[in-house]
Amino acid sequence: MFTRKTLAALTISSALAVTPAAYAAKMITVANFFPDTHPNSIALKETFKNEVESLSKGELKVKVFSNGVLGAEEKLYNSVRGGTVNMAILGTIMDKEVQNVGIIQLPFLFKNYEHAQNALNSDIGQKLVNDMDTNTGLHFLAYGVQGFRVVASNREISSMDDFQGLRLRFPGISSMIEIGKNLGANITPLPISDVFSALEQGVVDGVENPYPNIVASKWYEIVKYITETNHVFTPNLYLMNNNFWNSLTKEQQQVVSTAAQNAAKQEWSLLIKQESENKAKLEQDGVKITVPDKAFHDALIKAEESAYENYYTLHPDARDIVKEIIAAGEK
């Protein structure tokens, strides 16, 4: 016969015996605007999701929304800041709020992928996002990569003169629009999700973006010329809503941070490998790729010189950081 005391003891024992799996796991929603085949989407699903769920022993779950199903970059930026999305992968759309993050996309700043990766994963990279939390309400986790930007167009570009009258889509970021105008093109800012239809309908003559985006978004089906200008390097920033970040335990924060950094490493590796494969595919599909000769390349760099001084006027601390980045590429 059970006494009242025995029943009470059994109740307590039962409560203590409940395993962590009996509690609802905390869900992390992660969104980007890239297709499923893009290195970022692959890295989020193969590395970030798997590592977060395994390392947290089921306390955290991850749901990845790729293909821009939750919106293009501007909408995702607003969503993650507002907390309707916990985490997003963005470019430097926050350059108006974050003092020095726009430095990354100054023209012809990085020599190659090794230079960019080494600089961004050093103390220099942290300087660029020091005020991210304060000014945006977002917690920076890692630097991924979109790549060096090239121009895909409906006509061949082999000199600066060929940019005249060319209607080019550029992202709606002031520094990027300036870079486009310096080339001599007519610039049309559009969300990345609108580019295919704009090319198809002749609203624009071309688009500048890294090779993986050109292939994944199938813009090459419409425009058959690529000029390998490599005028700007574009990163991916892994960013989490700060309130959500602070709701995690220290152990969970470490799990998320480690998984994000490992996903970013996979993304870099995949993108660099994909780029050479993408170029081969494009040529097989009838796309002509033009690599600027020295005279054209020097003219491109000269055309963009004013972008630096204009940037320094608004961001006086940037000059020293740019010097550090350049020095990192000379080591």
Foldseek 3Di string as FASTA:
>chain_A
DDDPVNVVVVVVVVVVPDDPVVDQAAEAEEEEQFDCPALLNCLCVPFLQVLLCVLVVNNYGYDYHYNQPQHFQVSVLVCQLVPVHFKYKHWVQVCVQQQALCLQWQWPLADALVLSVVCCPDVLVCNRCVCVCVRRQKDWQDKAFFFQKWKFFQDEDAALVVQAAFEEEDAPDVLGVLLSVLSNHRYDHDGLVCVQVCLVVVVGGIYMGALVRCVRVVSCVRTQEIERLSTTTIIIIIIGRNVVLVVDDPSSNVSSSVSVHSSRVSSSVVVVVVRVVSVVVSVVVRHHYHYHDPVRNVVSVVSSPVSVVVSCVSRVVNVVSSVVSNVSNVD
